Amino acid sequence: MNIQRVNSLHAPSLESKLSYSGLDSWMNFIHQVYGHPVHRFVATDGERPLGALSMLEVKHPVFGHYLATAPFGSYGGFAYENDEARDRLMDKAQRLAKELKLEYISLRFDDTASSPPAGWVEHPVYFTYLIDLPATADDLMKRFSSDHRNHIRKSLKKGFTIRFGHLDLLDDAYEALALSMHELGSPYHAERYLRQMAESLGDTLNFAVTYDAKGRITGGGVFIYQGKTIFNLHANVLRFARSSYAGEFLYWSVIEHAIQKGCTTFDLGRSLVGSGNDIFKSKWAPEKKKLAYWYWLAEGHELPSLNQKNPKFQFAIAVWKRLPHFVVRAMGHTIIRGLV
């Protein structure tokens, strides 16, 4: 078996096993926006590809120096035909990390049936949520609890509307996501991030934006189509609209749209175990899958906890919520570039 370092992935037989965030178009897009180096390796047996590993190198003054697959995504960038190919690729990543004197490596994927090899630690703190989409939305509605069905029906009577689009919807999509993230106390990307994402992924990407009866933006999301699966990359609603079930309206509308487009699976994206998003997504009768995130840690370093549950971030989150919009939008992208 041979391990090669490559400028771009050339393992087409493995492509079906890689999520959208593992494709070259995604890694190249992140590199273009933030300048992070990309490191790619392919395991081959002669001409036959057996595995592929694509990692982003992040160097940030606050969040450290590390390698990660699937930047800003749930999983992807790591695929293999067998354990030998997997372990050889992971060994190559470990050697690279030592050469670069990195703090850790984060591999994001969904192989919960396997255990990490020696020298690696599993830290499964995220779920993903897979909805099996039937032929009609009414068939799916029958799977929900009576309370959840009631909330969806109430949302449909509130006068909300939804638009789906591409670059024509960029401004409103960015406004929805940037405002909602500010309300949650989290930094968000500059508008350029969404623009270049849309340009890189083309018609496989859809923005969705919801509005109330007065025409005010109430929420929005970014959705990626791959085959017959729709992936929720990011979706949020604004605080003022939550009590009117704007979140239920957004998700239900996206589900109806996906079924009309012939999708058979809706991947709701990752959420922290026990979080509010975990509770909300669980209402949609999904198959919940714990993601098998594996880490290699350099000597003297602990498992990273770059999420809102980390007690160290609570003061920063509280302060961020109170900053004016123009400050948040000017600074957000410099912070979030280190939180891939």
Protein backbone atom coordinates (compact mmCIF):
# COMPACT_ATOMS: atom_id res chain seq x y z
CA MET A 1 0.00 0.00 0.00
CA ASN A 2 1.28 3.44 -0.93
CA ILE A 3 0.43 6.76 0.78
CA GLN A 4 0.76 9.78 -1.50
CA ARG A 5 0.56 13.47 -0.74
CA VAL A 6 -1.46 15.14 -3.49
CA ASN A 7 -2.56 18.59 -4.59
CA SER A 8 -6.12 17.39 -5.22
CA LEU A 9 -8.07 14.22 -4.51
CA HIS A 10 -8.03 11.73 -7.38
CA ALA A 11 -9.94 8.85 -5.81
CA PRO A 12 -13.26 8.86 -7.68
CA SER A 13 -14.31 5.42 -6.41
CA LEU A 14 -14.26 6.82 -2.89
CA GLU A 15 -16.21 9.96 -3.70
CA SER A 16 -19.57 8.44 -2.74
CA LYS A 17 -18.29 7.93 0.80
CA LEU A 18 -17.21 11.55 1.22
CA SER A 19 -19.75 14.14 2.35
CA TYR A 20 -19.88 17.49 0.56
CA SER A 21 -17.45 18.96 3.09
CA GLY A 22 -14.78 16.47 2.01
CA LEU A 23 -14.83 17.37 -1.66
CA ASP A 24 -12.07 19.48 -3.18
CA SER A 25 -14.49 22.26 -4.01
CA TRP A 26 -15.24 22.70 -0.29
CA MET A 27 -11.65 22.62 0.92
CA ASN A 28 -10.54 24.94 -1.87
CA PHE A 29 -13.34 27.34 -1.01
CA ILE A 30 -12.29 27.50 2.68
CA HIS A 31 -8.68 28.02 1.60
CA GLN A 32 -9.71 30.88 -0.67
CA VAL A 33 -11.72 32.60 2.06
CA TYR A 34 -9.40 32.14 5.04
CA GLY A 35 -6.04 31.14 3.58
CA HIS A 36 -5.66 28.00 5.70
CA PRO A 37 -3.31 25.44 4.07
CA VAL A 38 -4.87 22.17 2.87
CA HIS A 39 -3.06 18.83 3.32
CA ARG A 40 -4.27 15.86 1.24
CA PHE A 41 -3.21 12.22 1.26
CA VAL A 42 -4.41 9.24 -0.78
CA ALA A 43 -3.81 5.54 -0.02
CA THR A 44 -3.46 3.38 -3.11
CA ASP A 45 -2.76 -0.21 -4.06
CA GLY A 46 -1.25 0.18 -7.49
CA GLU A 47 -3.85 2.13 -9.46
CA ARG A 48 -6.64 1.31 -7.02
CA PRO A 49 -7.51 4.00 -4.42
CA LEU A 50 -8.14 2.63 -0.92
CA GLY A 51 -8.53 5.79 1.11
CA ALA A 52 -8.36 9.58 1.13
CA LEU A 53 -7.72 12.13 3.86
CA SER A 54 -8.09 15.89 3.40
CA MET A 55 -7.27 18.22 6.31
CA LEU A 56 -7.19 21.96 6.89
CA GLU A 57 -4.34 23.45 8.91
CA VAL A 58 -5.57 26.15 11.29
CA LYS A 59 -3.26 28.55 13.12
CA HIS A 60 -5.07 31.03 15.35
CA PRO A 61 -3.75 33.16 18.27
CA VAL A 62 -6.68 32.17 20.51
CA PHE A 63 -7.80 28.71 19.39
CA GLY A 64 -4.45 27.15 18.59
CA HIS A 65 -2.61 25.34 15.82
CA TYR A 66 -4.26 22.13 14.60
CA LEU A 67 -5.46 19.98 11.70
CA ALA A 68 -9.15 19.25 11.05
CA THR A 69 -11.25 17.48 8.45
CA ALA A 70 -14.61 18.93 7.38
CA PRO A 71 -13.99 22.60 8.25
CA PHE A 72 -17.28 24.25 9.34
CA GLY A 73 -19.06 20.98 8.53
CA SER A 74 -20.38 17.94 10.38
CA TYR A 75 -18.20 15.27 8.78
CA GLY A 76 -16.30 14.43 5.61
CA GLY A 77 -12.84 14.58 4.13
CA PHE A 78 -11.89 11.09 5.38
CA ALA A 79 -12.84 7.87 3.60
CA TYR A 80 -11.29 4.41 3.48
CA GLU A 81 -11.97 0.93 2.18
CA ASN A 82 -10.41 -0.95 5.12
CA ASP A 83 -8.78 -0.48 8.51
CA GLU A 84 -5.27 -0.78 7.12
CA ALA A 85 -5.82 2.16 4.77
CA ARG A 86 -7.46 4.12 7.60
CA ASP A 87 -4.58 3.53 10.01
CA ARG A 88 -1.90 4.31 7.42
CA LEU A 89 -3.56 7.62 6.58
CA MET A 90 -3.94 8.47 10.27
CA ASP A 91 -0.28 7.63 10.86
CA LYS A 92 0.67 9.99 8.02
CA ALA A 93 -1.47 12.74 9.58
CA GLN A 94 0.20 12.17 12.95
CA ARG A 95 3.67 12.46 11.43
CA LEU A 96 2.69 15.67 9.70
CA ALA A 97 1.34 17.09 12.97
CA LYS A 98 4.62 16.34 14.72
CA GLU A 99 6.62 17.92 11.90
CA LEU A 100 4.51 21.08 12.11
CA LYS A 101 4.49 20.99 15.94
CA LEU A 102 0.70 21.06 16.08
CA GLU A 103 -1.43 20.79 19.22
CA TYR A 104 -3.93 18.23 17.93
CA ILE A 105 -5.71 16.63 14.97
CA SER A 106 -9.50 16.43 14.71
CA LEU A 107 -11.02 13.80 12.39
CA ARG A 108 -14.79 14.20 11.88
CA PHE A 109 -16.71 11.27 10.46
CA ASP A 110 -19.61 8.96 11.24
CA ASP A 111 -18.02 5.52 11.64
CA THR A 112 -19.38 4.70 15.12
CA ALA A 113 -18.84 0.95 14.60
CA SER A 114 -15.05 1.26 14.84
CA SER A 115 -12.72 2.13 17.69
CA PRO A 116 -9.77 4.50 17.21
CA PRO A 117 -6.31 2.96 16.89
CA ALA A 118 -3.65 3.35 19.59
CA GLY A 119 -2.60 6.93 20.16
CA TRP A 120 -6.01 8.37 19.24
CA VAL A 121 -8.93 9.37 21.48
CA GLU A 122 -12.65 9.27 20.65
CA HIS A 123 -14.75 12.20 21.85
CA PRO A 124 -18.38 11.74 20.66
CA VAL A 125 -20.15 14.92 21.80
CA TYR A 126 -22.16 15.57 18.61
CA PHE A 127 -25.18 13.90 17.06
CA THR A 128 -26.33 14.13 13.48
CA TYR A 129 -29.99 13.56 12.62
CA LEU A 130 -31.19 11.72 9.53
CA ILE A 131 -34.82 11.93 8.43
CA ASP A 132 -36.00 9.26 6.01
CA LEU A 133 -38.16 11.31 3.64
CA PRO A 134 -41.29 9.50 2.35
CA ALA A 135 -43.13 10.15 -0.90
CA THR A 136 -45.30 12.88 0.64
CA ALA A 137 -44.93 15.35 3.49
CA ASP A 138 -48.25 14.14 4.94
CA ASP A 139 -46.75 10.67 5.41
CA LEU A 140 -43.90 12.19 7.41
CA MET A 141 -46.27 14.27 9.53
CA LYS A 142 -47.84 11.05 10.84
CA ARG A 143 -44.54 10.08 12.50
CA PHE A 144 -44.44 13.15 14.73
CA SER A 145 -45.86 13.54 18.22
CA SER A 146 -49.25 15.25 18.50
CA ASP A 147 -47.59 18.30 20.10
CA HIS A 148 -45.10 18.64 17.27
CA ARG A 149 -47.82 18.28 14.61
CA ASN A 150 -49.78 20.97 16.42
CA HIS A 151 -46.80 23.35 16.46
CA ILE A 152 -46.21 22.87 12.73
CA ARG A 153 -49.86 23.54 11.94
CA LYS A 154 -49.83 26.66 14.11
CA SER A 155 -46.73 27.92 12.28
CA LEU A 156 -48.55 27.55 8.96
CA LYS A 157 -51.27 29.95 10.19
CA LYS A 158 -48.91 32.75 11.31
CA GLY A 159 -48.51 34.34 7.90
CA PHE A 160 -44.91 33.20 7.38
CA THR A 161 -43.54 32.85 3.86
CA ILE A 162 -40.34 31.28 2.56
CA ARG A 163 -38.07 31.92 -0.41
CA PHE A 164 -35.51 29.54 -1.89
CA GLY A 165 -32.69 30.83 -4.04
CA HIS A 166 -29.01 31.19 -4.77
CA LEU A 167 -27.02 34.41 -5.11
CA ASP A 168 -30.29 36.30 -5.60
CA LEU A 169 -31.08 35.53 -1.95
CA LEU A 170 -27.58 36.09 -0.55
CA ASP A 171 -28.22 39.41 1.23
CA ASP A 172 -31.28 38.20 3.10
CA ALA A 173 -29.71 34.83 3.94
CA TYR A 174 -26.65 36.53 5.38
CA GLU A 175 -28.80 38.98 7.37
CA ALA A 176 -30.80 36.10 8.88
CA LEU A 177 -27.76 34.04 9.87
CA ALA A 178 -25.57 36.90 11.08
CA LEU A 179 -28.35 38.36 13.24
CA SER A 180 -29.36 35.03 14.73
CA MET A 181 -25.75 34.11 15.56
CA HIS A 182 -25.26 37.49 17.23
CA GLU A 183 -28.32 36.82 19.37
CA LEU A 184 -26.78 33.50 20.42
CA GLY A 185 -23.51 35.18 21.35
CA SER A 186 -21.48 33.55 18.58
CA PRO A 187 -19.32 35.13 15.85
CA TYR A 188 -20.23 34.58 12.22
CA HIS A 189 -18.47 34.82 8.89
CA ALA A 190 -18.38 37.83 6.61
CA GLU A 191 -20.86 37.89 3.72
CA ARG A 192 -17.98 36.94 1.41
CA TYR A 193 -18.00 33.46 3.00
CA LEU A 194 -21.56 32.74 1.85
CA ARG A 195 -20.97 34.33 -1.56
CA GLN A 196 -17.91 32.24 -2.33
CA MET A 197 -19.60 29.12 -0.97
CA ALA A 198 -22.49 29.63 -3.37
CA GLU A 199 -20.15 30.30 -6.27
CA SER A 200 -18.02 27.23 -5.46
CA LEU A 201 -20.89 24.77 -4.99
CA GLY A 202 -23.14 26.12 -7.74
CA ASP A 203 -26.67 24.79 -8.01
CA THR A 204 -26.03 22.14 -5.34
CA LEU A 205 -26.49 24.95 -2.79
CA ASN A 206 -29.78 26.56 -1.81
CA PHE A 207 -30.37 29.47 0.54
CA ALA A 208 -33.74 29.56 2.30
CA VAL A 209 -35.11 32.65 4.04
CA THR A 210 -38.37 33.02 5.97
CA TYR A 211 -40.40 36.21 6.51
CA ASP A 212 -43.32 37.14 8.74
CA ALA A 213 -46.60 38.73 7.61
CA LYS A 214 -44.96 42.19 7.81
CA GLY A 215 -42.12 41.14 5.51
CA ARG A 216 -39.50 41.00 8.27
CA ILE A 217 -36.81 38.34 8.05
CA THR A 218 -37.48 35.66 10.67
CA GLY A 219 -34.83 33.07 9.85
CA GLY A 220 -32.83 31.33 7.19
CA GLY A 221 -30.50 28.52 6.30
CA VAL A 222 -27.91 27.07 3.94
CA PHE A 223 -28.73 23.69 2.40
CA ILE A 224 -26.55 21.46 0.23
CA TYR A 225 -27.89 18.80 -2.17
CA GLN A 226 -25.83 15.71 -2.89
CA GLY A 227 -27.54 12.92 -4.78
CA LYS A 228 -30.89 12.35 -3.06
CA THR A 229 -29.73 13.79 0.28
CA ILE A 230 -30.21 17.34 1.49
CA PHE A 231 -27.72 18.54 4.13
CA ASN A 232 -28.51 21.32 6.58
CA LEU A 233 -25.24 23.21 6.83
CA HIS A 234 -26.65 26.01 8.98
CA ALA A 235 -30.17 27.14 9.88
CA ASN A 236 -31.45 29.54 12.54
CA VAL A 237 -34.44 31.71 13.38
CA LEU A 238 -34.49 35.09 15.09
CA ARG A 239 -35.49 35.34 18.73
CA PHE A 240 -38.63 37.48 18.20
CA ALA A 241 -40.16 34.80 15.93
CA ARG A 242 -39.45 31.67 17.96
CA SER A 243 -42.61 31.81 20.04
CA SER A 244 -44.61 31.80 16.79
CA TYR A 245 -42.93 28.53 15.77
CA ALA A 246 -40.80 30.09 13.04
CA GLY A 247 -38.33 27.23 13.43
CA GLU A 248 -41.03 24.66 12.75
CA PHE A 249 -42.14 26.62 9.70
CA LEU A 250 -38.60 26.82 8.31
CA TYR A 251 -37.85 23.12 8.71
CA TRP A 252 -41.26 21.96 7.47
CA SER A 253 -41.00 24.17 4.39
CA VAL A 254 -37.53 22.86 3.62
CA ILE A 255 -38.79 19.27 4.03
CA GLU A 256 -41.67 19.87 1.60
CA HIS A 257 -39.28 21.48 -0.89
CA ALA A 258 -36.79 18.60 -0.60
CA ILE A 259 -39.49 15.97 -1.17
CA GLN A 260 -40.65 17.86 -4.26
CA LYS A 261 -37.06 17.75 -5.55
CA GLY A 262 -36.97 13.96 -5.09
CA CYS A 263 -34.79 13.81 -1.98
CA THR A 264 -35.08 10.72 0.20
CA THR A 265 -32.89 11.78 3.16
CA PHE A 266 -32.64 15.01 5.15
CA ASP A 267 -29.44 15.31 7.21
CA LEU A 268 -30.25 17.97 9.81
CA GLY A 269 -26.58 18.57 10.63
CA ARG A 270 -24.65 18.20 13.86
CA SER A 271 -25.66 19.47 17.28
CA LEU A 272 -24.12 19.10 20.72
CA VAL A 273 -25.56 16.31 22.83
CA GLY A 274 -28.08 17.80 25.29
CA SER A 275 -28.21 21.22 23.61
CA GLY A 276 -31.35 23.12 22.65
CA ASN A 277 -30.73 22.25 19.01
CA ASP A 278 -30.45 18.58 19.94
CA ILE A 279 -33.88 18.75 21.59
CA PHE A 280 -35.43 20.64 18.65
CA LYS A 281 -34.05 18.34 15.96
CA SER A 282 -35.11 15.24 17.89
CA LYS A 283 -38.75 16.30 17.47
CA TRP A 284 -38.58 15.51 13.75
CA ALA A 285 -38.46 11.72 14.27
CA PRO A 286 -34.92 11.32 12.91
CA GLU A 287 -32.42 8.53 13.25
CA LYS A 288 -29.94 10.03 15.71
CA LYS A 289 -26.33 9.09 15.00
CA LYS A 290 -23.51 9.96 17.36
CA LEU A 291 -20.54 11.20 15.35
CA ALA A 292 -17.25 9.42 16.04
CA TYR A 293 -14.89 12.36 16.32
CA TRP A 294 -11.31 11.12 16.83
CA TYR A 295 -8.39 13.19 18.13
CA TRP A 296 -4.65 12.90 18.26
CA LEU A 297 -3.19 15.07 21.01
CA ALA A 298 0.37 16.35 21.24
CA GLU A 299 2.08 15.77 24.57
CA GLY A 300 0.79 18.15 27.24
CA HIS A 301 -2.41 19.07 25.38
CA GLU A 302 -5.99 18.25 26.37
CA LEU A 303 -9.06 17.54 24.26
CA PRO A 304 -10.26 20.79 22.69
CA SER A 305 -13.70 22.06 23.60
CA LEU A 306 -14.38 24.77 21.03
CA ASN A 307 -18.12 25.04 21.58
CA GLN A 308 -20.68 27.03 23.55
CA LYS A 309 -20.75 24.52 26.43
CA ASN A 310 -17.18 25.33 27.43
CA PRO A 311 -17.37 27.32 30.72
CA LYS A 312 -14.34 29.35 29.59
CA PHE A 313 -16.43 30.92 26.81
CA GLN A 314 -19.46 31.96 28.88
CA PHE A 315 -18.23 35.47 29.70
CA ALA A 316 -17.17 36.06 26.08
CA ILE A 317 -20.58 34.88 24.84
CA ALA A 318 -22.38 37.26 27.22
CA VAL A 319 -20.23 40.20 26.10
CA TRP A 320 -20.61 39.34 22.40
CA LYS A 321 -24.41 39.43 22.66
CA ARG A 322 -24.23 43.02 23.90
CA LEU A 323 -21.86 44.40 21.28
CA PRO A 324 -23.38 46.56 18.50
CA HIS A 325 -23.95 44.91 15.13
CA PHE A 326 -21.26 46.90 13.30
CA VAL A 327 -18.58 45.72 15.76
CA VAL A 328 -19.73 42.09 15.59
CA ARG A 329 -19.73 42.05 11.79
CA ALA A 330 -16.33 43.69 11.57
CA MET A 331 -14.70 41.26 14.02
CA GLY A 332 -16.68 38.04 13.60
CA HIS A 333 -14.76 36.55 10.68
CA THR A 334 -11.38 37.04 12.41
CA ILE A 335 -12.61 35.00 15.37
CA ILE A 336 -14.54 32.25 13.61
CA ARG A 337 -11.67 31.50 11.21
CA GLY A 338 -10.06 29.63 14.11
CA LEU A 339 -13.20 27.64 15.01
CA VAL A 340 -13.44 25.28 12.04
